[in-house]
Amino acid sequence: MNHDANAVYQARCVNGGRLDMPVLFVHAAYDYICATVDGGLAEPMRASCGDLTERFARTGHWMQMEDPVTVNAALARWIATKLPWVWREETTR
């Protein structure tokens, strides 16, 4: 991983790299490549996101391939609740 390069990049970003827009992160419960559930890998993200939603999937690293229904449901639910104007109903005339 490029932690040092990422820190330099973040420091140069607007607002110090802090994200104030809604952000979704789906953790993979059995991801041993990027272990965000039990390790500290998710902590910088939590510190940098003002409106973070975290969800969990019972998958390994390739969650979208292993359980697309769960991943898509998490995305759809998050969009519907955090960004309701994206799915506003079309009015018919």
C-alpha atoms as a PDB file:
ATOM      1  CA  MET A   1       0.000   0.000   0.000  1.00  0.00           C
ATOM      2  CA  ASN A   2       1.097   3.585  -0.557  1.00  0.00           C
ATOM      3  CA  HIS A   3       0.254   5.078   2.833  1.00  0.00           C
ATOM      4  CA  ASP A   4       2.857   7.846   2.675  1.00  0.00           C
ATOM      5  CA  ALA A   5       1.936   8.883  -0.876  1.00  0.00           C
ATOM      6  CA  ASN A   6      -1.757   8.773   0.033  1.00  0.00           C
ATOM      7  CA  ALA A   7      -1.187  11.026   3.064  1.00  0.00           C
ATOM      8  CA  VAL A   8       0.671  13.582   0.923  1.00  0.00           C
ATOM      9  CA  TYR A   9      -2.124  13.507  -1.677  1.00  0.00           C
ATOM     10  CA  GLN A  10      -4.812  13.904   0.992  1.00  0.00           C
ATOM     11  CA  ALA A  11      -3.013  16.862   2.580  1.00  0.00           C
ATOM     12  CA  ARG A  12      -3.053  18.687  -0.777  1.00  0.00           C
ATOM     13  CA  CYS A  13      -6.767  18.079  -1.353  1.00  0.00           C
ATOM     14  CA  VAL A  14      -9.519  20.605  -0.741  1.00  0.00           C
ATOM     15  CA  ASN A  15     -10.619  20.586   2.902  1.00  0.00           C
ATOM     16  CA  GLY A  16      -7.620  18.393   3.795  1.00  0.00           C
ATOM     17  CA  GLY A  17      -9.253  15.499   1.974  1.00  0.00           C
ATOM     18  CA  ARG A  18     -12.276  15.463   4.273  1.00  0.00           C
ATOM     19  CA  LEU A  19     -15.451  14.271   2.573  1.00  0.00           C
ATOM     20  CA  ASP A  20     -18.660  15.891   3.769  1.00  0.00           C
ATOM     21  CA  MET A  21     -20.966  14.297   1.190  1.00  0.00           C
ATOM     22  CA  PRO A  22     -22.693  10.987   1.985  1.00  0.00           C
ATOM     23  CA  VAL A  23     -20.307   8.035   1.659  1.00  0.00           C
ATOM     24  CA  LEU A  24     -21.109   4.308   1.722  1.00  0.00           C
ATOM     25  CA  PHE A  25     -18.540   1.656   2.635  1.00  0.00           C
ATOM     26  CA  VAL A  26     -19.443  -2.018   2.508  1.00  0.00           C
ATOM     27  CA  HIS A  27     -17.110  -4.186   4.594  1.00  0.00           C
ATOM     28  CA  ALA A  28     -16.479  -7.768   3.502  1.00  0.00           C
ATOM     29  CA  ALA A  29     -16.653  -9.916   6.638  1.00  0.00           C
ATOM     30  CA  TYR A  30     -14.202 -12.527   5.337  1.00  0.00           C
ATOM     31  CA  ASP A  31     -11.814 -10.272   3.418  1.00  0.00           C
ATOM     32  CA  TYR A  32      -8.329 -11.185   4.551  1.00  0.00           C
ATOM     33  CA  ILE A  33      -6.712  -9.006   1.844  1.00  0.00           C
ATOM     34  CA  CYS A  34      -8.246  -5.771   3.104  1.00  0.00           C
ATOM     35  CA  ALA A  35      -9.337  -6.638   6.646  1.00  0.00           C
ATOM     36  CA  THR A  36     -11.488  -3.664   7.639  1.00  0.00           C
ATOM     37  CA  VAL A  37     -13.773  -5.469  10.078  1.00  0.00           C
ATOM     38  CA  ASP A  38     -11.320  -6.372  12.850  1.00  0.00           C
ATOM     39  CA  GLY A  39      -8.279  -4.280  11.922  1.00  0.00           C
ATOM     40  CA  GLY A  40      -7.653  -0.555  11.890  1.00  0.00           C
ATOM     41  CA  LEU A  41      -7.774  -0.136   8.118  1.00  0.00           C
ATOM     42  CA  ALA A  42     -11.151   1.607   8.231  1.00  0.00           C
ATOM     43  CA  GLU A  43     -10.141   4.178  10.854  1.00  0.00           C
ATOM     44  CA  PRO A  44      -8.676   6.786   8.439  1.00  0.00           C
ATOM     45  CA  MET A  45     -11.858   6.559   6.365  1.00  0.00           C
ATOM     46  CA  ARG A  46     -14.004   7.097   9.445  1.00  0.00           C
ATOM     47  CA  ALA A  47     -11.908  10.126  10.376  1.00  0.00           C
ATOM     48  CA  SER A  48     -12.114  11.592   6.853  1.00  0.00           C
ATOM     49  CA  CYS A  49     -15.835  11.115   6.146  1.00  0.00           C
ATOM     50  CA  GLY A  50     -18.373  13.380   7.827  1.00  0.00           C
ATOM     51  CA  ASP A  51     -21.408  11.367   6.694  1.00  0.00           C
ATOM     52  CA  LEU A  52     -20.248   7.750   6.543  1.00  0.00           C
ATOM     53  CA  THR A  53     -22.575   4.758   6.383  1.00  0.00           C
ATOM     54  CA  GLU A  54     -21.014   1.344   6.968  1.00  0.00           C
ATOM     55  CA  ARG A  55     -22.619  -1.948   5.998  1.00  0.00           C
ATOM     56  CA  PHE A  56     -21.362  -5.518   6.097  1.00  0.00           C
ATOM     57  CA  ALA A  57     -21.515  -8.392   3.627  1.00  0.00           C
ATOM     58  CA  ARG A  58     -20.744 -12.001   4.516  1.00  0.00           C
ATOM     59  CA  THR A  59     -18.235 -12.316   1.684  1.00  0.00           C
ATOM     60  CA  GLY A  60     -14.559 -12.342   0.900  1.00  0.00           C
ATOM     61  CA  HIS A  61     -12.604  -9.698  -1.038  1.00  0.00           C
ATOM     62  CA  TRP A  62     -14.680  -9.902  -4.255  1.00  0.00           C
ATOM     63  CA  MET A  63     -18.010  -9.148  -2.609  1.00  0.00           C
ATOM     64  CA  GLN A  64     -19.797  -7.978  -5.754  1.00  0.00           C
ATOM     65  CA  MET A  65     -18.992 -11.313  -7.414  1.00  0.00           C
ATOM     66  CA  GLU A  66     -19.628 -13.473  -4.351  1.00  0.00           C
ATOM     67  CA  ASP A  67     -22.949 -11.975  -3.284  1.00  0.00           C
ATOM     68  CA  PRO A  68     -24.268  -9.409  -5.767  1.00  0.00           C
ATOM     69  CA  VAL A  69     -27.745  -9.445  -4.217  1.00  0.00           C
ATOM     70  CA  THR A  70     -26.474  -8.271  -0.826  1.00  0.00           C
ATOM     71  CA  VAL A  71     -24.139  -5.672  -2.328  1.00  0.00           C
ATOM     72  CA  ASN A  72     -26.795  -4.287  -4.679  1.00  0.00           C
ATOM     73  CA  ALA A  73     -29.364  -4.233  -1.876  1.00  0.00           C
ATOM     74  CA  ALA A  74     -26.951  -2.234   0.302  1.00  0.00           C
ATOM     75  CA  LEU A  75     -26.349   0.207  -2.556  1.00  0.00           C
ATOM     76  CA  ALA A  76     -30.036   0.574  -3.404  1.00  0.00           C
ATOM     77  CA  ARG A  77     -31.052   1.033   0.247  1.00  0.00           C
ATOM     78  CA  TRP A  78     -28.296   3.616   0.785  1.00  0.00           C
ATOM     79  CA  ILE A  79     -29.206   5.578  -2.356  1.00  0.00           C
ATOM     80  CA  ALA A  80     -32.905   5.496  -1.468  1.00  0.00           C
ATOM     81  CA  THR A  81     -32.296   6.793   2.063  1.00  0.00           C
ATOM     82  CA  LYS A  82     -29.308   9.127   1.643  1.00  0.00           C
ATOM     83  CA  LEU A  83     -30.020  10.419  -1.875  1.00  0.00           C
ATOM     84  CA  PRO A  84     -33.793  10.160  -2.266  1.00  0.00           C
ATOM     85  CA  TRP A  85     -33.898  12.797  -5.026  1.00  0.00           C
ATOM     86  CA  VAL A  86     -31.993  10.401  -7.292  1.00  0.00           C
ATOM     87  CA  TRP A  87     -34.995   8.080  -7.417  1.00  0.00           C
ATOM     88  CA  ARG A  88     -37.838  10.528  -7.357  1.00  0.00           C
ATOM     89  CA  GLU A  89     -40.960   9.300  -9.067  1.00  0.00           C
ATOM     90  CA  GLU A  90     -41.668  10.458 -12.577  1.00  0.00           C
ATOM     91  CA  THR A  91     -45.030  12.132 -12.932  1.00  0.00           C
ATOM     92  CA  THR A  92     -47.068  11.102 -15.922  1.00  0.00           C
ATOM     93  CA  ARG A  93     -49.296  13.494 -17.742  1.00  0.00           C
END
